[in-house]
Amino acid sequence: MNTEKRRRKAVVDRPACIACGCCVKVCPLQAIEVVRGVTARVNESKCVGCGRCARECPASVIEIREVQA
């Protein structure tokens, strides 16, 4: 029996990010920030994988992945 826990997290393709801040505005837990005006970064300890950021990203560079908890 596999007891491995998995959770959903937002993952940003940082080199492709256009740093528009749309993801920051829609994140209900303030788990995303734009760093140095260049790229978005996800605080994994805050992110619950709701997907709002991925849906709002105009560059489609955020995806929700299942990761090991």
C-alpha atoms as a PDB file:
ATOM      1  CA  MET A   1       0.000   0.000   0.000  1.00  0.00           C
ATOM      2  CA  ASN A   2       1.368   3.425  -1.007  1.00  0.00           C
ATOM      3  CA  THR A   3       1.026   5.954   1.814  1.00  0.00           C
ATOM      4  CA  GLU A   4       2.918   8.734   0.045  1.00  0.00           C
ATOM      5  CA  LYS A   5       1.172  12.059   0.548  1.00  0.00           C
ATOM      6  CA  ARG A   6       0.850  14.394  -2.402  1.00  0.00           C
ATOM      7  CA  ARG A   7      -0.330  17.973  -2.640  1.00  0.00           C
ATOM      8  CA  ARG A   8      -0.966  20.452  -5.383  1.00  0.00           C
ATOM      9  CA  LYS A   9       1.389  23.408  -5.847  1.00  0.00           C
ATOM     10  CA  ALA A  10       1.821  26.198  -8.351  1.00  0.00           C
ATOM     11  CA  VAL A  11       5.023  26.024 -10.371  1.00  0.00           C
ATOM     12  CA  VAL A  12       6.265  28.993 -12.409  1.00  0.00           C
ATOM     13  CA  ASP A  13       8.382  28.670 -15.543  1.00  0.00           C
ATOM     14  CA  ARG A  14      10.538  31.492 -14.231  1.00  0.00           C
ATOM     15  CA  PRO A  15      12.579  32.249 -17.390  1.00  0.00           C
ATOM     16  CA  ALA A  16       9.332  32.653 -19.361  1.00  0.00           C
ATOM     17  CA  CYS A  17       7.543  34.776 -16.726  1.00  0.00           C
ATOM     18  CA  ILE A  18       6.733  38.333 -17.831  1.00  0.00           C
ATOM     19  CA  ALA A  19       6.417  39.621 -14.234  1.00  0.00           C
ATOM     20  CA  CYS A  20       3.029  41.240 -14.851  1.00  0.00           C
ATOM     21  CA  GLY A  21       1.789  40.568 -11.317  1.00  0.00           C
ATOM     22  CA  CYS A  22      -1.583  39.113 -12.318  1.00  0.00           C
ATOM     23  CA  CYS A  23      -0.865  35.995 -10.255  1.00  0.00           C
ATOM     24  CA  VAL A  24       0.006  38.081  -7.204  1.00  0.00           C
ATOM     25  CA  LYS A  25      -3.299  39.939  -7.401  1.00  0.00           C
ATOM     26  CA  VAL A  26      -5.470  36.806  -7.494  1.00  0.00           C
ATOM     27  CA  CYS A  27      -3.662  34.606  -4.957  1.00  0.00           C
ATOM     28  CA  PRO A  28      -5.923  34.353  -1.896  1.00  0.00           C
ATOM     29  CA  LEU A  29      -3.048  33.347   0.379  1.00  0.00           C
ATOM     30  CA  GLN A  30      -0.392  35.788  -0.858  1.00  0.00           C
ATOM     31  CA  ALA A  31       1.804  32.851  -1.822  1.00  0.00           C
ATOM     32  CA  ILE A  32       3.276  34.510  -4.928  1.00  0.00           C
ATOM     33  CA  GLU A  33       5.551  37.503  -5.268  1.00  0.00           C
ATOM     34  CA  VAL A  34       7.297  39.172  -8.181  1.00  0.00           C
ATOM     35  CA  VAL A  35      11.019  39.234  -7.482  1.00  0.00           C
ATOM     36  CA  ARG A  36      13.066  42.236  -8.646  1.00  0.00           C
ATOM     37  CA  GLY A  37      10.428  43.018 -11.262  1.00  0.00           C
ATOM     38  CA  VAL A  38      11.695  40.077 -13.296  1.00  0.00           C
ATOM     39  CA  THR A  39       9.895  36.863 -12.352  1.00  0.00           C
ATOM     40  CA  ALA A  40       7.247  35.394 -10.068  1.00  0.00           C
ATOM     41  CA  ARG A  41       8.193  33.107  -7.201  1.00  0.00           C
ATOM     42  CA  VAL A  42       5.844  30.798  -5.281  1.00  0.00           C
ATOM     43  CA  ASN A  43       6.168  30.393  -1.516  1.00  0.00           C
ATOM     44  CA  GLU A  44       5.507  26.653  -1.354  1.00  0.00           C
ATOM     45  CA  SER A  45       4.664  26.700   2.341  1.00  0.00           C
ATOM     46  CA  LYS A  46       1.722  29.042   1.640  1.00  0.00           C
ATOM     47  CA  CYS A  47       0.514  27.666  -1.705  1.00  0.00           C
ATOM     48  CA  VAL A  48      -2.481  25.299  -1.602  1.00  0.00           C
ATOM     49  CA  GLY A  49      -2.652  24.691  -5.350  1.00  0.00           C
ATOM     50  CA  CYS A  50      -6.023  26.360  -5.926  1.00  0.00           C
ATOM     51  CA  GLY A  51      -5.094  27.223  -9.526  1.00  0.00           C
ATOM     52  CA  ARG A  52      -6.250  30.838  -9.596  1.00  0.00           C
ATOM     53  CA  CYS A  53      -2.786  32.054 -10.545  1.00  0.00           C
ATOM     54  CA  ALA A  54      -2.515  29.580 -13.430  1.00  0.00           C
ATOM     55  CA  ARG A  55      -5.917  30.590 -14.806  1.00  0.00           C
ATOM     56  CA  GLU A  56      -5.071  34.306 -14.689  1.00  0.00           C
ATOM     57  CA  CYS A  57      -1.517  34.130 -16.065  1.00  0.00           C
ATOM     58  CA  PRO A  58      -1.580  35.851 -19.490  1.00  0.00           C
ATOM     59  CA  ALA A  59       1.694  34.169 -20.480  1.00  0.00           C
ATOM     60  CA  SER A  60       0.492  30.683 -19.408  1.00  0.00           C
ATOM     61  CA  VAL A  61       3.725  30.031 -17.507  1.00  0.00           C
ATOM     62  CA  ILE A  62       2.155  28.770 -14.262  1.00  0.00           C
ATOM     63  CA  GLU A  63       0.929  25.233 -13.877  1.00  0.00           C
ATOM     64  CA  ILE A  64      -0.446  23.295 -10.937  1.00  0.00           C
ATOM     65  CA  ARG A  65       1.465  20.101 -10.215  1.00  0.00           C
ATOM     66  CA  GLU A  66       1.136  17.318  -7.701  1.00  0.00           C
ATOM     67  CA  VAL A  67       4.232  17.214  -5.533  1.00  0.00           C
ATOM     68  CA  GLN A  68       5.303  15.028  -2.659  1.00  0.00           C
ATOM     69  CA  ALA A  69       4.223  16.560   0.667  1.00  0.00           C
END
